Amino acid sequence: MQRRNSVAAACAYADVKTTLNTSVLAADANCAGAPASVCYVNINCVQAPVSANLTDDLVEFHHIAALGNLSRFQPSTLSIVESDATISLAHFVPPPAMTSLYEPLPT
């Protein structure tokens, strides 16, 4: 019997600096099985439980450490609120329909 070596593919977001309260916003293959095309994932590409509450018409997202591949994100506007730190764009792939990206500046 021949033995196969299987190596799991590394998560594309493994290098993102996150905290306990932040995650990566994605709309890619990592969101398979989620109720919406967009989901929150951790640095292991595991969906956060809060992803179950997302819908395809939602455009406001909280506590984002990074924007990932959003190629399947459908709305034209994306708004980020209550972020704890600088948002990484290292893995950002904008969606085709996006015309606006908002992050409120602190006052």
PDB file of N, CA and C in Angstrom:
ATOM      1  N   MET A   1       0.843  -1.171   0.000  1.00  0.00           N
ATOM      2  CA  MET A   1       0.000   0.000   0.000  1.00  0.00           C
ATOM      3  C   MET A   1       0.893   1.240   0.000  1.00  0.00           C
ATOM      4  N   GLN A   2       0.637   2.115  -0.914  1.00  0.00           N
ATOM      5  CA  GLN A   2       1.418   3.344  -1.003  1.00  0.00           C
ATOM      6  C   GLN A   2       0.834   4.401  -0.075  1.00  0.00           C
ATOM      7  N   ARG A   3       1.716   5.076   0.611  1.00  0.00           N
ATOM      8  CA  ARG A   3       1.280   6.101   1.555  1.00  0.00           C
ATOM      9  C   ARG A   3       1.336   7.468   0.896  1.00  0.00           C
ATOM     10  N   ARG A   4       0.300   8.235   1.061  1.00  0.00           N
ATOM     11  CA  ARG A   4       0.229   9.577   0.487  1.00  0.00           C
ATOM     12  C   ARG A   4       0.561  10.611   1.537  1.00  0.00           C
ATOM     13  N   ASN A   5       1.383  11.545   1.154  1.00  0.00           N
ATOM     14  CA  ASN A   5       1.645  12.681   2.033  1.00  0.00           C
ATOM     15  C   ASN A   5       0.676  13.779   1.666  1.00  0.00           C
ATOM     16  N   SER A   6      -0.097  14.209   2.632  1.00  0.00           N
ATOM     17  CA  SER A   6      -1.011  15.313   2.354  1.00  0.00           C
ATOM     18  C   SER A   6      -0.611  16.505   3.194  1.00  0.00           C
ATOM     19  N   VAL A   7      -0.517  17.610   2.539  1.00  0.00           N
ATOM     20  CA  VAL A   7      -0.164  18.852   3.211  1.00  0.00           C
ATOM     21  C   VAL A   7      -1.329  19.812   3.037  1.00  0.00           C
ATOM     22  N   ALA A   8      -1.859  20.247   4.144  1.00  0.00           N
ATOM     23  CA  ALA A   8      -2.971  21.196   4.071  1.00  0.00           C
ATOM     24  C   ALA A   8      -2.470  22.530   3.540  1.00  0.00           C
ATOM     25  N   ALA A   9      -3.263  23.127   2.704  1.00  0.00           N
ATOM     26  CA  ALA A   9      -2.897  24.436   2.165  1.00  0.00           C
ATOM     27  C   ALA A   9      -2.899  25.459   3.289  1.00  0.00           C
ATOM     28  N   ALA A  10      -1.887  26.293   3.296  1.00  0.00           N
ATOM     29  CA  ALA A  10      -1.802  27.335   4.323  1.00  0.00           C
ATOM     30  C   ALA A  10      -2.847  28.405   4.052  1.00  0.00           C
ATOM     31  N   CYS A  11      -3.326  28.990   5.115  1.00  0.00           N
ATOM     32  CA  CYS A  11      -4.305  30.064   4.985  1.00  0.00           C
ATOM     33  C   CYS A  11      -3.619  31.307   4.420  1.00  0.00           C
ATOM     34  N   ALA A  12      -4.237  31.922   3.452  1.00  0.00           N
ATOM     35  CA  ALA A  12      -3.678  33.135   2.837  1.00  0.00           C
ATOM     36  C   ALA A  12      -3.546  34.275   3.837  1.00  0.00           C
ATOM     37  N   TYR A  13      -4.317  34.221   4.916  1.00  0.00           N
ATOM     38  CA  TYR A  13      -4.329  35.311   5.892  1.00  0.00           C
ATOM     39  C   TYR A  13      -3.488  35.006   7.135  1.00  0.00           C
ATOM     40  N   ALA A  14      -2.648  33.988   7.075  1.00  0.00           N
ATOM     41  CA  ALA A  14      -1.867  33.561   8.241  1.00  0.00           C
ATOM     42  C   ALA A  14      -0.947  34.649   8.780  1.00  0.00           C
ATOM     43  N   ASP A  15      -0.528  35.576   7.944  1.00  0.00           N
ATOM     44  CA  ASP A  15       0.409  36.616   8.379  1.00  0.00           C
ATOM     45  C   ASP A  15      -0.274  37.879   8.909  1.00  0.00           C
ATOM     46  N   VAL A  16      -1.592  37.899   8.934  1.00  0.00           N
ATOM     47  CA  VAL A  16      -2.324  39.086   9.400  1.00  0.00           C
ATOM     48  C   VAL A  16      -2.252  39.163  10.918  1.00  0.00           C
ATOM     49  N   LYS A  17      -1.975  40.343  11.419  1.00  0.00           N
ATOM     50  CA  LYS A  17      -1.945  40.569  12.866  1.00  0.00           C
ATOM     51  C   LYS A  17      -3.370  40.850  13.335  1.00  0.00           C
ATOM     52  N   THR A  18      -3.906  39.946  14.134  1.00  0.00           N
ATOM     53  CA  THR A  18      -5.254  40.127  14.665  1.00  0.00           C
ATOM     54  C   THR A  18      -5.207  40.113  16.188  1.00  0.00           C
ATOM     55  N   THR A  19      -6.299  40.521  16.791  1.00  0.00           N
ATOM     56  CA  THR A  19      -6.454  40.424  18.240  1.00  0.00           C
ATOM     57  C   THR A  19      -7.651  39.518  18.505  1.00  0.00           C
ATOM     58  N   LEU A  20      -7.964  39.321  19.760  1.00  0.00           N
ATOM     59  CA  LEU A  20      -9.127  38.494  20.100  1.00  0.00           C
ATOM     60  C   LEU A  20     -10.426  39.082  19.569  1.00  0.00           C
ATOM     61  N   ASN A  21     -10.456  40.399  19.379  1.00  0.00           N
ATOM     62  CA  ASN A  21     -11.685  41.072  18.960  1.00  0.00           C
ATOM     63  C   ASN A  21     -11.731  41.423  17.484  1.00  0.00           C
ATOM     64  N   THR A  22     -10.727  41.046  16.714  1.00  0.00           N
ATOM     65  CA  THR A  22     -10.705  41.414  15.298  1.00  0.00           C
ATOM     66  C   THR A  22     -10.535  40.179  14.423  1.00  0.00           C
ATOM     67  N   SER A  23     -10.890  40.323  13.160  1.00  0.00           N
ATOM     68  CA  SER A  23     -10.733  39.234  12.213  1.00  0.00           C
ATOM     69  C   SER A  23     -10.563  39.804  10.810  1.00  0.00           C
ATOM     70  N   VAL A  24     -10.467  38.923   9.842  1.00  0.00           N
ATOM     71  CA  VAL A  24     -10.311  39.302   8.440  1.00  0.00           C
ATOM     72  C   VAL A  24     -11.694  39.249   7.786  1.00  0.00           C
ATOM     73  N   LEU A  25     -12.034  40.293   7.049  1.00  0.00           N
ATOM     74  CA  LEU A  25     -13.281  40.295   6.292  1.00  0.00           C
ATOM     75  C   LEU A  25     -12.974  39.734   4.910  1.00  0.00           C
ATOM     76  N   ALA A  26     -13.677  38.681   4.534  1.00  0.00           N
ATOM     77  CA  ALA A  26     -13.426  38.031   3.252  1.00  0.00           C
ATOM     78  C   ALA A  26     -14.739  37.766   2.527  1.00  0.00           C
ATOM     79  N   ALA A  27     -14.638  37.589   1.248  1.00  0.00           N
ATOM     80  CA  ALA A  27     -15.759  37.143   0.415  1.00  0.00           C
ATOM     81  C   ALA A  27     -15.147  36.258  -0.659  1.00  0.00           C
ATOM     82  N   ASP A  28     -14.652  35.129  -0.212  1.00  0.00           N
ATOM     83  CA  ASP A  28     -13.937  34.217  -1.093  1.00  0.00           C
ATOM     84  C   ASP A  28     -14.327  32.782  -0.749  1.00  0.00           C
ATOM     85  N   ALA A  29     -13.533  31.822  -1.175  1.00  0.00           N
ATOM     86  CA  ALA A  29     -13.844  30.411  -0.935  1.00  0.00           C
ATOM     87  C   ALA A  29     -13.925  30.067   0.549  1.00  0.00           C
ATOM     88  N   ASN A  30     -13.297  30.864   1.407  1.00  0.00           N
ATOM     89  CA  ASN A  30     -13.364  30.615   2.848  1.00  0.00           C
ATOM     90  C   ASN A  30     -14.771  30.805   3.402  1.00  0.00           C
ATOM     91  N   CYS A  31     -15.632  31.445   2.656  1.00  0.00           N
ATOM     92  CA  CYS A  31     -17.004  31.712   3.111  1.00  0.00           C
ATOM     93  C   CYS A  31     -17.988  30.642   2.652  1.00  0.00           C
ATOM     94  N   ALA A  32     -17.493  29.569   2.074  1.00  0.00           N
ATOM     95  CA  ALA A  32     -18.377  28.490   1.624  1.00  0.00           C
ATOM     96  C   ALA A  32     -19.206  27.990   2.799  1.00  0.00           C
ATOM     97  N   GLY A  33     -20.481  27.867   2.575  1.00  0.00           N
ATOM     98  CA  GLY A  33     -21.370  27.400   3.624  1.00  0.00           C
ATOM     99  C   GLY A  33     -21.924  28.501   4.502  1.00  0.00           C
ATOM    100  N   ALA A  34     -21.397  29.706   4.378  1.00  0.00           N
ATOM    101  CA  ALA A  34     -21.918  30.843   5.144  1.00  0.00           C
ATOM    102  C   ALA A  34     -23.223  31.296   4.495  1.00  0.00           C
ATOM    103  N   PRO A  35     -24.104  31.934   5.269  1.00  0.00           N
ATOM    104  CA  PRO A  35     -25.372  32.383   4.692  1.00  0.00           C
ATOM    105  C   PRO A  35     -25.223  33.546   3.712  1.00  0.00           C
ATOM    106  N   ALA A  36     -24.089  34.206   3.714  1.00  0.00           N
ATOM    107  CA  ALA A  36     -23.845  35.335   2.814  1.00  0.00           C
ATOM    108  C   ALA A  36     -22.549  35.087   2.055  1.00  0.00           C
ATOM    109  N   SER A  37     -22.310  35.879   1.028  1.00  0.00           N
ATOM    110  CA  SER A  37     -21.072  35.730   0.260  1.00  0.00           C
ATOM    111  C   SER A  37     -19.874  36.276   1.023  1.00  0.00           C
ATOM    112  N   VAL A  38     -20.126  37.017   2.093  1.00  0.00           N
ATOM    113  CA  VAL A  38     -19.067  37.627   2.894  1.00  0.00           C
ATOM    114  C   VAL A  38     -19.046  36.966   4.274  1.00  0.00           C
ATOM    115  N   CYS A  39     -17.833  36.867   4.864  1.00  0.00           N
ATOM    116  CA  CYS A  39     -17.716  36.284   6.197  1.00  0.00           C
ATOM    117  C   CYS A  39     -16.487  36.840   6.907  1.00  0.00           C
ATOM    118  N   TYR A  40     -16.447  36.621   8.201  1.00  0.00           N
ATOM    119  CA  TYR A  40     -15.273  36.935   9.007  1.00  0.00           C
ATOM    120  C   TYR A  40     -14.491  35.639   9.177  1.00  0.00           C
ATOM    121  N   VAL A  41     -13.176  35.696   8.971  1.00  0.00           N
ATOM    122  CA  VAL A  41     -12.336  34.519   9.200  1.00  0.00           C
ATOM    123  C   VAL A  41     -11.162  34.899  10.081  1.00  0.00           C
ATOM    124  N   ASN A  42     -10.587  33.890  10.739  1.00  0.00           N
ATOM    125  CA  ASN A  42      -9.390  34.135  11.535  1.00  0.00           C
ATOM    126  C   ASN A  42      -8.158  33.831  10.687  1.00  0.00           C
ATOM    127  N   ILE A  43      -6.989  33.852  11.305  1.00  0.00           N
ATOM    128  CA  ILE A  43      -5.749  33.652  10.540  1.00  0.00           C
ATOM    129  C   ILE A  43      -5.550  32.202  10.105  1.00  0.00           C
ATOM    130  N   ASN A  44      -6.459  31.318  10.500  1.00  0.00           N
ATOM    131  CA  ASN A  44      -6.445  29.935  10.032  1.00  0.00           C
ATOM    132  C   ASN A  44      -7.528  29.694   8.984  1.00  0.00           C
ATOM    133  N   CYS A  45      -8.167  30.779   8.528  1.00  0.00           N
ATOM    134  CA  CYS A  45      -9.248  30.730   7.537  1.00  0.00           C
ATOM    135  C   CYS A  45     -10.482  29.992   8.045  1.00  0.00           C
ATOM    136  N   VAL A  46     -10.675  30.007   9.353  1.00  0.00           N
ATOM    137  CA  VAL A  46     -11.874  29.427   9.957  1.00  0.00           C
ATOM    138  C   VAL A  46     -12.878  30.550  10.157  1.00  0.00           C
ATOM    139  N   GLN A  47     -14.109  30.316   9.726  1.00  0.00           N
ATOM    140  CA  GLN A  47     -15.145  31.340   9.869  1.00  0.00           C
ATOM    141  C   GLN A  47     -15.440  31.616  11.338  1.00  0.00           C
ATOM    142  N   ALA A  48     -15.567  32.893  11.652  1.00  0.00           N
ATOM    143  CA  ALA A  48     -15.980  33.296  12.994  1.00  0.00           C
ATOM    144  C   ALA A  48     -17.475  33.030  13.139  1.00  0.00           C
ATOM    145  N   PRO A  49     -17.934  32.667  14.334  1.00  0.00           N
ATOM    146  CA  PRO A  49     -19.362  32.391  14.536  1.00  0.00           C
ATOM    147  C   PRO A  49     -20.274  33.543  14.113  1.00  0.00           C
ATOM    148  N   VAL A  50     -19.796  34.771  14.245  1.00  0.00           N
ATOM    149  CA  VAL A  50     -20.624  35.925  13.885  1.00  0.00           C
ATOM    150  C   VAL A  50     -20.984  35.927  12.400  1.00  0.00           C
ATOM    151  N   SER A  51     -20.262  35.189  11.592  1.00  0.00           N
ATOM    152  CA  SER A  51     -20.561  35.115  10.159  1.00  0.00           C
ATOM    153  C   SER A  51     -21.970  34.598   9.906  1.00  0.00           C
ATOM    154  N   ALA A  52     -22.515  33.837  10.836  1.00  0.00           N
ATOM    155  CA  ALA A  52     -23.864  33.297  10.680  1.00  0.00           C
ATOM    156  C   ALA A  52     -24.926  34.390  10.668  1.00  0.00           C
ATOM    157  N   ASN A  53     -24.582  35.580  11.154  1.00  0.00           N
ATOM    158  CA  ASN A  53     -25.536  36.687  11.209  1.00  0.00           C
ATOM    159  C   ASN A  53     -25.454  37.619  10.002  1.00  0.00           C
ATOM    160  N   LEU A  54     -24.568  37.351   9.075  1.00  0.00           N
ATOM    161  CA  LEU A  54     -24.365  38.246   7.940  1.00  0.00           C
ATOM    162  C   LEU A  54     -25.367  37.971   6.820  1.00  0.00           C
ATOM    163  N   THR A  55     -25.659  39.020   6.066  1.00  0.00           N
ATOM    164  CA  THR A  55     -26.526  38.901   4.894  1.00  0.00           C
ATOM    165  C   THR A  55     -25.836  39.569   3.713  1.00  0.00           C
ATOM    166  N   ASP A  56     -26.293  39.274   2.509  1.00  0.00           N
ATOM    167  CA  ASP A  56     -25.651  39.830   1.319  1.00  0.00           C
ATOM    168  C   ASP A  56     -25.903  41.316   1.126  1.00  0.00           C
ATOM    169  N   ASP A  57     -26.854  41.893   1.850  1.00  0.00           N
ATOM    170  CA  ASP A  57     -27.090  43.331   1.702  1.00  0.00           C
ATOM    171  C   ASP A  57     -26.419  44.157   2.800  1.00  0.00           C
ATOM    172  N   LEU A  58     -25.712  43.506   3.708  1.00  0.00           N
ATOM    173  CA  LEU A  58     -25.012  44.208   4.775  1.00  0.00           C
ATOM    174  C   LEU A  58     -23.781  44.916   4.218  1.00  0.00           C
ATOM    175  N   VAL A  59     -23.576  46.179   4.596  1.00  0.00           N
ATOM    176  CA  VAL A  59     -22.421  46.929   4.097  1.00  0.00           C
ATOM    177  C   VAL A  59     -21.575  47.514   5.223  1.00  0.00           C
ATOM    178  N   GLU A  60     -21.976  47.339   6.486  1.00  0.00           N
ATOM    179  CA  GLU A  60     -21.228  47.898   7.613  1.00  0.00           C
ATOM    180  C   GLU A  60     -20.654  46.756   8.446  1.00  0.00           C
ATOM    181  N   PHE A  61     -19.340  46.790   8.655  1.00  0.00           N
ATOM    182  CA  PHE A  61     -18.658  45.706   9.355  1.00  0.00           C
ATOM    183  C   PHE A  61     -17.823  46.263  10.504  1.00  0.00           C
ATOM    184  N   HIS A  62     -17.724  45.488  11.570  1.00  0.00           N
ATOM    185  CA  HIS A  62     -17.076  45.923  12.802  1.00  0.00           C
ATOM    186  C   HIS A  62     -15.823  45.093  13.095  1.00  0.00           C
ATOM    187  N   HIS A  63     -14.879  45.725  13.784  1.00  0.00           N
ATOM    188  CA  HIS A  63     -13.699  45.041  14.334  1.00  0.00           C
ATOM    189  C   HIS A  63     -12.924  44.248  13.279  1.00  0.00           C
ATOM    190  N   ILE A  64     -12.520  44.934  12.249  1.00  0.00           N
ATOM    191  CA  ILE A  64     -11.773  44.314  11.160  1.00  0.00           C
ATOM    192  C   ILE A  64     -10.281  44.576  11.347  1.00  0.00           C
ATOM    193  N   ALA A  65      -9.467  43.519  11.277  1.00  0.00           N
ATOM    194  CA  ALA A  65      -8.014  43.670  11.309  1.00  0.00           C
ATOM    195  C   ALA A  65      -7.462  43.795   9.894  1.00  0.00           C
ATOM    196  N   ALA A  66      -8.178  43.195   8.935  1.00  0.00           N
ATOM    197  CA  ALA A  66      -7.702  43.202   7.554  1.00  0.00           C
ATOM    198  C   ALA A  66      -8.867  43.002   6.595  1.00  0.00           C
ATOM    199  N   LEU A  67      -8.687  43.519   5.405  1.00  0.00           N
ATOM    200  CA  LEU A  67      -9.605  43.233   4.308  1.00  0.00           C
ATOM    201  C   LEU A  67      -8.939  42.172   3.449  1.00  0.00           C
ATOM    202  N   GLY A  68      -9.638  41.084   3.225  1.00  0.00           N
ATOM    203  CA  GLY A  68      -9.098  40.001   2.422  1.00  0.00           C
ATOM    204  C   GLY A  68      -9.589  40.077   0.993  1.00  0.00           C
ATOM    205  N   ASN A  69      -9.712  38.927   0.393  1.00  0.00           N
ATOM    206  CA  ASN A  69     -10.217  38.834  -0.969  1.00  0.00           C
ATOM    207  C   ASN A  69     -11.728  39.037  -0.912  1.00  0.00           C
ATOM    208  N   LEU A  70     -12.183  40.159  -1.409  1.00  0.00           N
ATOM    209  CA  LEU A  70     -13.608  40.492  -1.402  1.00  0.00           C
ATOM    210  C   LEU A  70     -14.221  40.390  -2.797  1.00  0.00           C
ATOM    211  N   SER A  71     -13.637  39.567  -3.650  1.00  0.00           N
ATOM    212  CA  SER A  71     -14.087  39.486  -5.039  1.00  0.00           C
ATOM    213  C   SER A  71     -15.536  39.028  -5.188  1.00  0.00           C
ATOM    214  N   ARG A  72     -16.100  38.377  -4.184  1.00  0.00           N
ATOM    215  CA  ARG A  72     -17.501  37.940  -4.253  1.00  0.00           C
ATOM    216  C   ARG A  72     -18.450  38.869  -3.495  1.00  0.00           C
ATOM    217  N   PHE A  73     -17.925  39.960  -2.949  1.00  0.00           N
ATOM    218  CA  PHE A  73     -18.758  40.927  -2.223  1.00  0.00           C
ATOM    219  C   PHE A  73     -19.613  41.669  -3.237  1.00  0.00           C
ATOM    220  N   GLN A  74     -20.926  41.727  -3.023  1.00  0.00           N
ATOM    221  CA  GLN A  74     -21.822  42.252  -4.045  1.00  0.00           C
ATOM    222  C   GLN A  74     -22.205  43.724  -3.918  1.00  0.00           C
ATOM    223  N   PRO A  75     -22.410  44.275  -2.716  1.00  0.00           N
ATOM    224  CA  PRO A  75     -22.796  45.695  -2.638  1.00  0.00           C
ATOM    225  C   PRO A  75     -21.700  46.623  -3.173  1.00  0.00           C
ATOM    226  N   SER A  76     -22.083  47.828  -3.525  1.00  0.00           N
ATOM    227  CA  SER A  76     -21.120  48.792  -4.068  1.00  0.00           C
ATOM    228  C   SER A  76     -20.432  49.601  -2.975  1.00  0.00           C
ATOM    229  N   THR A  77     -20.931  49.533  -1.746  1.00  0.00           N
ATOM    230  CA  THR A  77     -20.367  50.299  -0.632  1.00  0.00           C
ATOM    231  C   THR A  77     -19.953  49.365   0.491  1.00  0.00           C
ATOM    232  N   LEU A  78     -18.819  49.666   1.107  1.00  0.00           N
ATOM    233  CA  LEU A  78     -18.332  48.927   2.267  1.00  0.00           C
ATOM    234  C   LEU A  78     -17.948  49.940   3.326  1.00  0.00           C
ATOM    235  N   SER A  79     -18.459  49.776   4.525  1.00  0.00           N
ATOM    236  CA  SER A  79     -18.169  50.693   5.627  1.00  0.00           C
ATOM    237  C   SER A  79     -17.592  49.904   6.795  1.00  0.00           C
ATOM    238  N   ILE A  80     -16.468  50.375   7.321  1.00  0.00           N
ATOM    239  CA  ILE A  80     -15.804  49.717   8.442  1.00  0.00           C
ATOM    240  C   ILE A  80     -15.923  50.621   9.657  1.00  0.00           C
ATOM    241  N   VAL A  81     -16.438  50.084  10.744  1.00  0.00           N
ATOM    242  CA  VAL A  81     -16.612  50.863  11.971  1.00  0.00           C
ATOM    243  C   VAL A  81     -16.023  50.106  13.156  1.00  0.00           C
ATOM    244  N   GLU A  82     -15.686  50.856  14.185  1.00  0.00           N
ATOM    245  CA  GLU A  82     -15.177  50.291  15.432  1.00  0.00           C
ATOM    246  C   GLU A  82     -13.977  49.373  15.229  1.00  0.00           C
ATOM    247  N   SER A  83     -13.029  49.790  14.428  1.00  0.00           N
ATOM    248  CA  SER A  83     -11.817  48.998  14.255  1.00  0.00           C
ATOM    249  C   SER A  83     -10.826  49.361  15.341  1.00  0.00           C
ATOM    250  N   ASP A  84     -10.159  48.348  15.872  1.00  0.00           N
ATOM    251  CA  ASP A  84      -9.253  48.548  16.989  1.00  0.00           C
ATOM    252  C   ASP A  84      -7.871  49.051  16.585  1.00  0.00           C
ATOM    253  N   ALA A  85      -7.513  48.882  15.351  1.00  0.00           N
ATOM    254  CA  ALA A  85      -6.157  49.223  14.923  1.00  0.00           C
ATOM    255  C   ALA A  85      -6.157  49.547  13.434  1.00  0.00           C
ATOM    256  N   THR A  86      -4.970  49.753  12.907  1.00  0.00           N
ATOM    257  CA  THR A  86      -4.819  49.972  11.476  1.00  0.00           C
ATOM    258  C   THR A  86      -5.289  48.730  10.725  1.00  0.00           C
ATOM    259  N   ILE A  87      -5.985  48.928   9.654  1.00  0.00           N
ATOM    260  CA  ILE A  87      -6.515  47.813   8.873  1.00  0.00           C
ATOM    261  C   ILE A  87      -5.514  47.443   7.786  1.00  0.00           C
ATOM    262  N   SER A  88      -5.135  46.180   7.758  1.00  0.00           N
ATOM    263  CA  SER A  88      -4.196  45.692   6.756  1.00  0.00           C
ATOM    264  C   SER A  88      -4.901  45.524   5.412  1.00  0.00           C
ATOM    265  N   LEU A  89      -4.233  45.996   4.370  1.00  0.00           N
ATOM    266  CA  LEU A  89      -4.741  45.825   3.006  1.00  0.00           C
ATOM    267  C   LEU A  89      -3.839  44.902   2.189  1.00  0.00           C
ATOM    268  N   ALA A  90      -2.946  44.179   2.865  1.00  0.00           N
ATOM    269  CA  ALA A  90      -1.968  43.335   2.181  1.00  0.00           C
ATOM    270  C   ALA A  90      -2.620  42.266   1.302  1.00  0.00           C
ATOM    271  N   HIS A  91      -3.782  41.779   1.685  1.00  0.00           N
ATOM    272  CA  HIS A  91      -4.471  40.726   0.933  1.00  0.00           C
ATOM    273  C   HIS A  91      -5.759  41.222   0.281  1.00  0.00           C
ATOM    274  N   PHE A  92      -5.932  42.523   0.247  1.00  0.00           N
ATOM    275  CA  PHE A  92      -7.179  43.107  -0.253  1.00  0.00           C
ATOM    276  C   PHE A  92      -7.314  42.930  -1.757  1.00  0.00           C
ATOM    277  N   VAL A  93      -8.402  42.315  -2.154  1.00  0.00           N
ATOM    278  CA  VAL A  93      -8.802  42.227  -3.557  1.00  0.00           C
ATOM    279  C   VAL A  93     -10.181  42.873  -3.607  1.00  0.00           C
ATOM    280  N   PRO A  94     -10.289  44.056  -4.216  1.00  0.00           N
ATOM    281  CA  PRO A  94     -11.584  44.747  -4.212  1.00  0.00           C
ATOM    282  C   PRO A  94     -12.611  44.027  -5.078  1.00  0.00           C
ATOM    283  N   PRO A  95     -13.860  44.125  -4.671  1.00  0.00           N
ATOM    284  CA  PRO A  95     -14.913  43.526  -5.490  1.00  0.00           C
ATOM    285  C   PRO A  95     -15.176  44.368  -6.729  1.00  0.00           C
ATOM    286  N   PRO A  96     -15.639  43.759  -7.793  1.00  0.00           N
ATOM    287  CA  PRO A  96     -15.866  44.493  -9.037  1.00  0.00           C
ATOM    288  C   PRO A  96     -16.869  45.636  -8.912  1.00  0.00           C
ATOM    289  N   ALA A  97     -17.880  45.488  -8.057  1.00  0.00           N
ATOM    290  CA  ALA A  97     -18.936  46.501  -7.957  1.00  0.00           C
ATOM    291  C   ALA A  97     -18.617  47.630  -6.982  1.00  0.00           C
ATOM    292  N   MET A  98     -17.528  47.511  -6.232  1.00  0.00           N
ATOM    293  CA  MET A  98     -17.251  48.502  -5.192  1.00  0.00           C
ATOM    294  C   MET A  98     -16.931  49.870  -5.778  1.00  0.00           C
ATOM    295  N   THR A  99     -17.647  50.871  -5.284  1.00  0.00           N
ATOM    296  CA  THR A  99     -17.376  52.252  -5.672  1.00  0.00           C
ATOM    297  C   THR A  99     -16.998  53.106  -4.473  1.00  0.00           C
ATOM    298  N   SER A 100     -17.267  52.611  -3.242  1.00  0.00           N
ATOM    299  CA  SER A 100     -16.980  53.394  -2.035  1.00  0.00           C
ATOM    300  C   SER A 100     -16.504  52.502  -0.902  1.00  0.00           C
ATOM    301  N   LEU A 101     -15.500  52.985  -0.179  1.00  0.00           N
ATOM    302  CA  LEU A 101     -14.983  52.315   1.012  1.00  0.00           C
ATOM    303  C   LEU A 101     -14.880  53.365   2.100  1.00  0.00           C
ATOM    304  N   TYR A 102     -15.543  53.152   3.221  1.00  0.00           N
ATOM    305  CA  TYR A 102     -15.579  54.142   4.295  1.00  0.00           C
ATOM    306  C   TYR A 102     -15.004  53.584   5.580  1.00  0.00           C
ATOM    307  N   GLU A 103     -14.194  54.390   6.230  1.00  0.00           N
ATOM    308  CA  GLU A 103     -13.779  54.131   7.603  1.00  0.00           C
ATOM    309  C   GLU A 103     -13.819  55.469   8.310  1.00  0.00           C
ATOM    310  N   PRO A 104     -14.724  55.641   9.263  1.00  0.00           N
ATOM    311  CA  PRO A 104     -14.815  56.925   9.959  1.00  0.00           C
ATOM    312  C   PRO A 104     -13.526  57.242  10.707  1.00  0.00           C
ATOM    313  N   LEU A 105     -13.102  58.466  10.623  1.00  0.00           N
ATOM    314  CA  LEU A 105     -11.916  58.907  11.349  1.00  0.00           C
ATOM    315  C   LEU A 105     -12.306  59.281  12.770  1.00  0.00           C
ATOM    316  N   PRO A 106     -11.432  58.982  13.745  1.00  0.00           N
ATOM    317  CA  PRO A 106     -11.756  59.354  15.123  1.00  0.00           C
ATOM    318  C   PRO A 106     -11.815  60.870  15.274  1.00  0.00           C
ATOM    319  N   THR A 107     -12.697  61.329  16.133  1.00  0.00           N
ATOM    320  CA  THR A 107     -12.825  62.777  16.345  1.00  0.00           C
ATOM    321  C   THR A 107     -12.184  63.191  17.642  1.00  0.00           C
TER     322      THR A 107
END
